Amino acid sequence: MIDLSLVIPLLNEAESLPELHAWIKRICDDVGLSYEVIFIDDGSKDDSWKIIGQLKDANPEIRGIRFQRN
């Protein structure tokens, strides 16, 4: 059972995604919450989708949805 689901829409946020995930993970781990993070890429032109994929591969709590355009 998941205690918390976070849905995070984003556009061109490649640089901030690893830090955001690390912050969410640290907080949830500290308070003992199970969680999932659903990143929604709203047509990014940077490497946001690539970063989401890397985070997903390393962390089972990460999911991603990609829209082709904003």
PDB file of N, CA and C in Angstrom:
ATOM      1  N   MET A   1       0.834  -1.179   0.000  1.00  0.00           N
ATOM      2  CA  MET A   1       0.000   0.000   0.000  1.00  0.00           C
ATOM      3  C   MET A   1       0.882   1.246   0.000  1.00  0.00           C
ATOM      4  N   ILE A   2       0.529   2.197  -0.816  1.00  0.00           N
ATOM      5  CA  ILE A   2       1.293   3.444  -0.943  1.00  0.00           C
ATOM      6  C   ILE A   2       0.631   4.510  -0.071  1.00  0.00           C
ATOM      7  N   ASP A   3       1.447   5.161   0.758  1.00  0.00           N
ATOM      8  CA  ASP A   3       0.944   6.222   1.628  1.00  0.00           C
ATOM      9  C   ASP A   3       0.741   7.544   0.895  1.00  0.00           C
ATOM     10  N   LEU A   4       1.571   7.801  -0.113  1.00  0.00           N
ATOM     11  CA  LEU A   4       1.570   9.113  -0.755  1.00  0.00           C
ATOM     12  C   LEU A   4       1.850   8.973  -2.246  1.00  0.00           C
ATOM     13  N   SER A   5       1.030   9.609  -3.074  1.00  0.00           N
ATOM     14  CA  SER A   5       1.264   9.684  -4.515  1.00  0.00           C
ATOM     15  C   SER A   5       1.463  11.148  -4.878  1.00  0.00           C
ATOM     16  N   LEU A   6       2.570  11.441  -5.500  1.00  0.00           N
ATOM     17  CA  LEU A   6       2.867  12.802  -5.937  1.00  0.00           C
ATOM     18  C   LEU A   6       2.817  12.843  -7.456  1.00  0.00           C
ATOM     19  N   VAL A   7       2.012  13.735  -8.000  1.00  0.00           N
ATOM     20  CA  VAL A   7       1.916  13.934  -9.440  1.00  0.00           C
ATOM     21  C   VAL A   7       2.548  15.286  -9.735  1.00  0.00           C
ATOM     22  N   ILE A   8       3.623  15.261 -10.519  1.00  0.00           N
ATOM     23  CA  ILE A   8       4.406  16.472 -10.748  1.00  0.00           C
ATOM     24  C   ILE A   8       4.469  16.777 -12.239  1.00  0.00           C
ATOM     25  N   PRO A   9       3.687  17.752 -12.703  1.00  0.00           N
ATOM     26  CA  PRO A   9       3.799  18.182 -14.103  1.00  0.00           C
ATOM     27  C   PRO A   9       5.062  19.017 -14.268  1.00  0.00           C
ATOM     28  N   LEU A  10       5.694  18.904 -15.432  1.00  0.00           N
ATOM     29  CA  LEU A  10       6.928  19.648 -15.644  1.00  0.00           C
ATOM     30  C   LEU A  10       7.115  19.983 -17.103  1.00  0.00           C
ATOM     31  N   LEU A  11       7.868  21.028 -17.338  1.00  0.00           N
ATOM     32  CA  LEU A  11       8.226  21.457 -18.680  1.00  0.00           C
ATOM     33  C   LEU A  11       9.648  21.996 -18.623  1.00  0.00           C
ATOM     34  N   ASN A  12      10.549  21.301 -19.299  1.00  0.00           N
ATOM     35  CA  ASN A  12      11.961  21.713 -19.376  1.00  0.00           C
ATOM     36  C   ASN A  12      12.588  21.873 -17.995  1.00  0.00           C
ATOM     37  N   GLU A  13      12.561  20.797 -17.228  1.00  0.00           N
ATOM     38  CA  GLU A  13      13.095  20.814 -15.864  1.00  0.00           C
ATOM     39  C   GLU A  13      14.205  19.782 -15.657  1.00  0.00           C
ATOM     40  N   ALA A  14      14.922  19.440 -16.704  1.00  0.00           N
ATOM     41  CA  ALA A  14      15.937  18.390 -16.614  1.00  0.00           C
ATOM     42  C   ALA A  14      16.929  18.623 -15.476  1.00  0.00           C
ATOM     43  N   GLU A  15      17.367  19.851 -15.307  1.00  0.00           N
ATOM     44  CA  GLU A  15      18.388  20.143 -14.296  1.00  0.00           C
ATOM     45  C   GLU A  15      17.881  19.947 -12.873  1.00  0.00           C
ATOM     46  N   SER A  16      16.604  20.204 -12.637  1.00  0.00           N
ATOM     47  CA  SER A  16      16.098  20.152 -11.266  1.00  0.00           C
ATOM     48  C   SER A  16      15.518  18.791 -10.859  1.00  0.00           C
ATOM     49  N   LEU A  17      15.278  17.893 -11.809  1.00  0.00           N
ATOM     50  CA  LEU A  17      14.613  16.628 -11.490  1.00  0.00           C
ATOM     51  C   LEU A  17      15.378  15.750 -10.500  1.00  0.00           C
ATOM     52  N   PRO A  18      16.688  15.528 -10.684  1.00  0.00           N
ATOM     53  CA  PRO A  18      17.392  14.678  -9.706  1.00  0.00           C
ATOM     54  C   PRO A  18      17.351  15.265  -8.290  1.00  0.00           C
ATOM     55  N   GLU A  19      17.510  16.559  -8.168  1.00  0.00           N
ATOM     56  CA  GLU A  19      17.467  17.190  -6.847  1.00  0.00           C
ATOM     57  C   GLU A  19      16.066  17.095  -6.234  1.00  0.00           C
ATOM     58  N   LEU A  20      15.041  17.304  -7.051  1.00  0.00           N
ATOM     59  CA  LEU A  20      13.669  17.195  -6.565  1.00  0.00           C
ATOM     60  C   LEU A  20      13.391  15.782  -6.070  1.00  0.00           C
ATOM     61  N   HIS A  21      13.782  14.786  -6.856  1.00  0.00           N
ATOM     62  CA  HIS A  21      13.553  13.402  -6.426  1.00  0.00           C
ATOM     63  C   HIS A  21      14.313  13.091  -5.148  1.00  0.00           C
ATOM     64  N   ALA A  22      15.560  13.536  -5.049  1.00  0.00           N
ATOM     65  CA  ALA A  22      16.358  13.284  -3.840  1.00  0.00           C
ATOM     66  C   ALA A  22      15.682  13.900  -2.617  1.00  0.00           C
ATOM     67  N   TRP A  23      15.137  15.106  -2.762  1.00  0.00           N
ATOM     68  CA  TRP A  23      14.457  15.777  -1.664  1.00  0.00           C
ATOM     69  C   TRP A  23      13.204  15.005  -1.243  1.00  0.00           C
ATOM     70  N   ILE A  24      12.398  14.587  -2.221  1.00  0.00           N
ATOM     71  CA  ILE A  24      11.185  13.817  -1.924  1.00  0.00           C
ATOM     72  C   ILE A  24      11.552  12.520  -1.222  1.00  0.00           C
ATOM     73  N   LYS A  25      12.546  11.821  -1.747  1.00  0.00           N
ATOM     74  CA  LYS A  25      12.982  10.542  -1.159  1.00  0.00           C
ATOM     75  C   LYS A  25      13.446  10.735   0.274  1.00  0.00           C
ATOM     76  N   ARG A  26      14.259  11.741   0.512  1.00  0.00           N
ATOM     77  CA  ARG A  26      14.793  11.990   1.855  1.00  0.00           C
ATOM     78  C   ARG A  26      13.659  12.262   2.850  1.00  0.00           C
ATOM     79  N   ILE A  27      12.723  13.112   2.476  1.00  0.00           N
ATOM     80  CA  ILE A  27      11.615  13.449   3.369  1.00  0.00           C
ATOM     81  C   ILE A  27      10.749  12.217   3.649  1.00  0.00           C
ATOM     82  N   CYS A  28      10.360  11.515   2.608  1.00  0.00           N
ATOM     83  CA  CYS A  28       9.495  10.344   2.788  1.00  0.00           C
ATOM     84  C   CYS A  28      10.188   9.252   3.596  1.00  0.00           C
ATOM     85  N   ASP A  29      11.467   9.018   3.336  1.00  0.00           N
ATOM     86  CA  ASP A  29      12.210   8.026   4.107  1.00  0.00           C
ATOM     87  C   ASP A  29      12.321   8.435   5.567  1.00  0.00           C
ATOM     88  N   ASP A  30      12.552   9.715   5.824  1.00  0.00           N
ATOM     89  CA  ASP A  30      12.693  10.205   7.196  1.00  0.00           C
ATOM     90  C   ASP A  30      11.425  10.005   8.020  1.00  0.00           C
ATOM     91  N   VAL A  31      10.264  10.176   7.383  1.00  0.00           N
ATOM     92  CA  VAL A  31       9.009  10.027   8.124  1.00  0.00           C
ATOM     93  C   VAL A  31       8.366   8.651   7.937  1.00  0.00           C
ATOM     94  N   GLY A  32       9.003   7.788   7.165  1.00  0.00           N
ATOM     95  CA  GLY A  32       8.537   6.415   7.004  1.00  0.00           C
ATOM     96  C   GLY A  32       7.327   6.238   6.112  1.00  0.00           C
ATOM     97  N   LEU A  33       7.204   7.085   5.084  1.00  0.00           N
ATOM     98  CA  LEU A  33       6.092   6.963   4.143  1.00  0.00           C
ATOM     99  C   LEU A  33       6.497   6.170   2.916  1.00  0.00           C
ATOM    100  N   SER A  34       5.636   5.270   2.480  1.00  0.00           N
ATOM    101  CA  SER A  34       5.820   4.676   1.156  1.00  0.00           C
ATOM    102  C   SER A  34       5.207   5.658   0.160  1.00  0.00           C
ATOM    103  N   TYR A  35       5.794   5.722  -1.020  1.00  0.00           N
ATOM    104  CA  TYR A  35       5.360   6.767  -1.947  1.00  0.00           C
ATOM    105  C   TYR A  35       5.617   6.362  -3.390  1.00  0.00           C
ATOM    106  N   GLU A  36       4.974   7.099  -4.282  1.00  0.00           N
ATOM    107  CA  GLU A  36       5.267   7.028  -5.704  1.00  0.00           C
ATOM    108  C   GLU A  36       5.314   8.460  -6.220  1.00  0.00           C
ATOM    109  N   VAL A  37       6.133   8.659  -7.230  1.00  0.00           N
ATOM    110  CA  VAL A  37       6.234   9.963  -7.878  1.00  0.00           C
ATOM    111  C   VAL A  37       5.917   9.752  -9.349  1.00  0.00           C
ATOM    112  N   ILE A  38       4.938  10.478  -9.839  1.00  0.00           N
ATOM    113  CA  ILE A  38       4.563  10.398 -11.245  1.00  0.00           C
ATOM    114  C   ILE A  38       4.939  11.733 -11.882  1.00  0.00           C
ATOM    115  N   PHE A  39       6.010  11.697 -12.664  1.00  0.00           N
ATOM    116  CA  PHE A  39       6.444  12.890 -13.389  1.00  0.00           C
ATOM    117  C   PHE A  39       5.697  12.936 -14.711  1.00  0.00           C
ATOM    118  N   ILE A  40       5.082  14.076 -15.012  1.00  0.00           N
ATOM    119  CA  ILE A  40       4.365  14.248 -16.270  1.00  0.00           C
ATOM    120  C   ILE A  40       5.100  15.293 -17.097  1.00  0.00           C
ATOM    121  N   ASP A  41       5.776  14.808 -18.128  1.00  0.00           N
ATOM    122  CA  ASP A  41       6.533  15.682 -19.028  1.00  0.00           C
ATOM    123  C   ASP A  41       5.561  16.274 -20.041  1.00  0.00           C
ATOM    124  N   ASP A  42       5.368  17.565 -19.954  1.00  0.00           N
ATOM    125  CA  ASP A  42       4.367  18.252 -20.766  1.00  0.00           C
ATOM    126  C   ASP A  42       4.981  18.867 -22.028  1.00  0.00           C
ATOM    127  N   GLY A  43       5.714  18.027 -22.786  1.00  0.00           N
ATOM    128  CA  GLY A  43       6.272  18.477 -24.053  1.00  0.00           C
ATOM    129  C   GLY A  43       7.632  19.144 -23.950  1.00  0.00           C
ATOM    130  N   SER A  44       8.436  18.750 -22.994  1.00  0.00           N
ATOM    131  CA  SER A  44       9.753  19.360 -22.807  1.00  0.00           C
ATOM    132  C   SER A  44      10.632  19.223 -24.043  1.00  0.00           C
ATOM    133  N   LYS A  45      11.437  20.246 -24.270  1.00  0.00           N
ATOM    134  CA  LYS A  45      12.395  20.241 -25.385  1.00  0.00           C
ATOM    135  C   LYS A  45      13.813  19.938 -24.894  1.00  0.00           C
ATOM    136  N   ASP A  46      14.013  19.853 -23.579  1.00  0.00           N
ATOM    137  CA  ASP A  46      15.330  19.537 -23.027  1.00  0.00           C
ATOM    138  C   ASP A  46      15.414  18.030 -22.750  1.00  0.00           C
ATOM    139  N   ASP A  47      16.281  17.617 -21.877  1.00  0.00           N
ATOM    140  CA  ASP A  47      16.481  16.199 -21.566  1.00  0.00           C
ATOM    141  C   ASP A  47      15.608  15.705 -20.420  1.00  0.00           C
ATOM    142  N   SER A  48      14.512  16.371 -20.143  1.00  0.00           N
ATOM    143  CA  SER A  48      13.663  15.969 -19.021  1.00  0.00           C
ATOM    144  C   SER A  48      13.218  14.511 -19.121  1.00  0.00           C
ATOM    145  N   TRP A  49      12.773  14.088 -20.293  1.00  0.00           N
ATOM    146  CA  TRP A  49      12.294  12.705 -20.439  1.00  0.00           C
ATOM    147  C   TRP A  49      13.430  11.715 -20.230  1.00  0.00           C
ATOM    148  N   LYS A  50      14.601  12.030 -20.699  1.00  0.00           N
ATOM    149  CA  LYS A  50      15.771  11.173 -20.492  1.00  0.00           C
ATOM    150  C   LYS A  50      16.081  11.049 -18.995  1.00  0.00           C
ATOM    151  N   ILE A  51      16.033  12.152 -18.275  1.00  0.00           N
ATOM    152  CA  ILE A  51      16.303  12.145 -16.836  1.00  0.00           C
ATOM    153  C   ILE A  51      15.221  11.344 -16.101  1.00  0.00           C
ATOM    154  N   ILE A  52      13.974  11.510 -16.493  1.00  0.00           N
ATOM    155  CA  ILE A  52      12.897  10.719 -15.879  1.00  0.00           C
ATOM    156  C   ILE A  52      13.172   9.235 -16.085  1.00  0.00           C
ATOM    157  N   GLY A  53      13.586   8.857 -17.279  1.00  0.00           N
ATOM    158  CA  GLY A  53      13.915   7.460 -17.561  1.00  0.00           C
ATOM    159  C   GLY A  53      15.040   6.944 -16.684  1.00  0.00           C
ATOM    160  N   GLN A  54      16.072   7.753 -16.490  1.00  0.00           N
ATOM    161  CA  GLN A  54      17.189   7.357 -15.627  1.00  0.00           C
ATOM    162  C   GLN A  54      16.731   7.200 -14.181  1.00  0.00           C
ATOM    163  N   LEU A  55      15.922   8.135 -13.718  1.00  0.00           N
ATOM    164  CA  LEU A  55      15.401   8.033 -12.351  1.00  0.00           C
ATOM    165  C   LEU A  55      14.521   6.800 -12.201  1.00  0.00           C
ATOM    166  N   LYS A  56      13.697   6.539 -13.207  1.00  0.00           N
ATOM    167  CA  LYS A  56      12.807   5.371 -13.207  1.00  0.00           C
ATOM    168  C   LYS A  56      13.596   4.071 -13.136  1.00  0.00           C
ATOM    169  N   ASP A  57      14.676   4.003 -13.912  1.00  0.00           N
ATOM    170  CA  ASP A  57      15.498   2.791 -13.936  1.00  0.00           C
ATOM    171  C   ASP A  57      16.143   2.505 -12.583  1.00  0.00           C
ATOM    172  N   ALA A  58      16.473   3.547 -11.852  1.00  0.00           N
ATOM    173  CA  ALA A  58      17.173   3.394 -10.571  1.00  0.00           C
ATOM    174  C   ALA A  58      16.234   3.372  -9.363  1.00  0.00           C
ATOM    175  N   ASN A  59      14.972   3.754  -9.548  1.00  0.00           N
ATOM    176  CA  ASN A  59      14.056   3.901  -8.417  1.00  0.00           C
ATOM    177  C   ASN A  59      12.675   3.371  -8.773  1.00  0.00           C
ATOM    178  N   PRO A  60      12.251   2.275  -8.159  1.00  0.00           N
ATOM    179  CA  PRO A  60      10.956   1.685  -8.521  1.00  0.00           C
ATOM    180  C   PRO A  60       9.752   2.558  -8.184  1.00  0.00           C
ATOM    181  N   GLU A  61       9.933   3.583  -7.358  1.00  0.00           N
ATOM    182  CA  GLU A  61       8.807   4.445  -6.988  1.00  0.00           C
ATOM    183  C   GLU A  61       8.535   5.539  -8.021  1.00  0.00           C
ATOM    184  N   ILE A  62       9.354   5.622  -9.056  1.00  0.00           N
ATOM    185  CA  ILE A  62       9.207   6.652 -10.086  1.00  0.00           C
ATOM    186  C   ILE A  62       8.432   6.109 -11.273  1.00  0.00           C
ATOM    187  N   ARG A  63       7.510   6.929 -11.758  1.00  0.00           N
ATOM    188  CA  ARG A  63       6.776   6.640 -12.988  1.00  0.00           C
ATOM    189  C   ARG A  63       6.818   7.891 -13.862  1.00  0.00           C
ATOM    190  N   GLY A  64       6.577   7.710 -15.135  1.00  0.00           N
ATOM    191  CA  GLY A  64       6.605   8.855 -16.033  1.00  0.00           C
ATOM    192  C   GLY A  64       5.546   8.769 -17.110  1.00  0.00           C
ATOM    193  N   ILE A  65       5.028   9.920 -17.464  1.00  0.00           N
ATOM    194  CA  ILE A  65       4.085  10.058 -18.565  1.00  0.00           C
ATOM    195  C   ILE A  65       4.626  11.193 -19.432  1.00  0.00           C
ATOM    196  N   ARG A  66       4.591  10.977 -20.736  1.00  0.00           N
ATOM    197  CA  ARG A  66       5.153  11.992 -21.636  1.00  0.00           C
ATOM    198  C   ARG A  66       4.117  12.434 -22.656  1.00  0.00           C
ATOM    199  N   PHE A  67       3.883  13.736 -22.712  1.00  0.00           N
ATOM    200  CA  PHE A  67       3.061  14.330 -23.756  1.00  0.00           C
ATOM    201  C   PHE A  67       3.981  14.894 -24.831  1.00  0.00           C
ATOM    202  N   GLN A  68       3.585  14.779 -26.058  1.00  0.00           N
ATOM    203  CA  GLN A  68       4.419  15.242 -27.167  1.00  0.00           C
ATOM    204  C   GLN A  68       4.482  16.766 -27.262  1.00  0.00           C
ATOM    205  N   ARG A  69       3.419  17.422 -26.808  1.00  0.00           N
ATOM    206  CA  ARG A  69       3.425  18.882 -26.875  1.00  0.00           C
ATOM    207  C   ARG A  69       2.683  19.448 -25.676  1.00  0.00           C
ATOM    208  N   ASN A  70       2.971  20.683 -25.389  1.00  0.00           N
ATOM    209  CA  ASN A  70       2.379  21.374 -24.247  1.00  0.00           C
ATOM    210  C   ASN A  70       0.973  21.819 -24.602  1.00  0.00           C
TER     211      ASN A  70
END
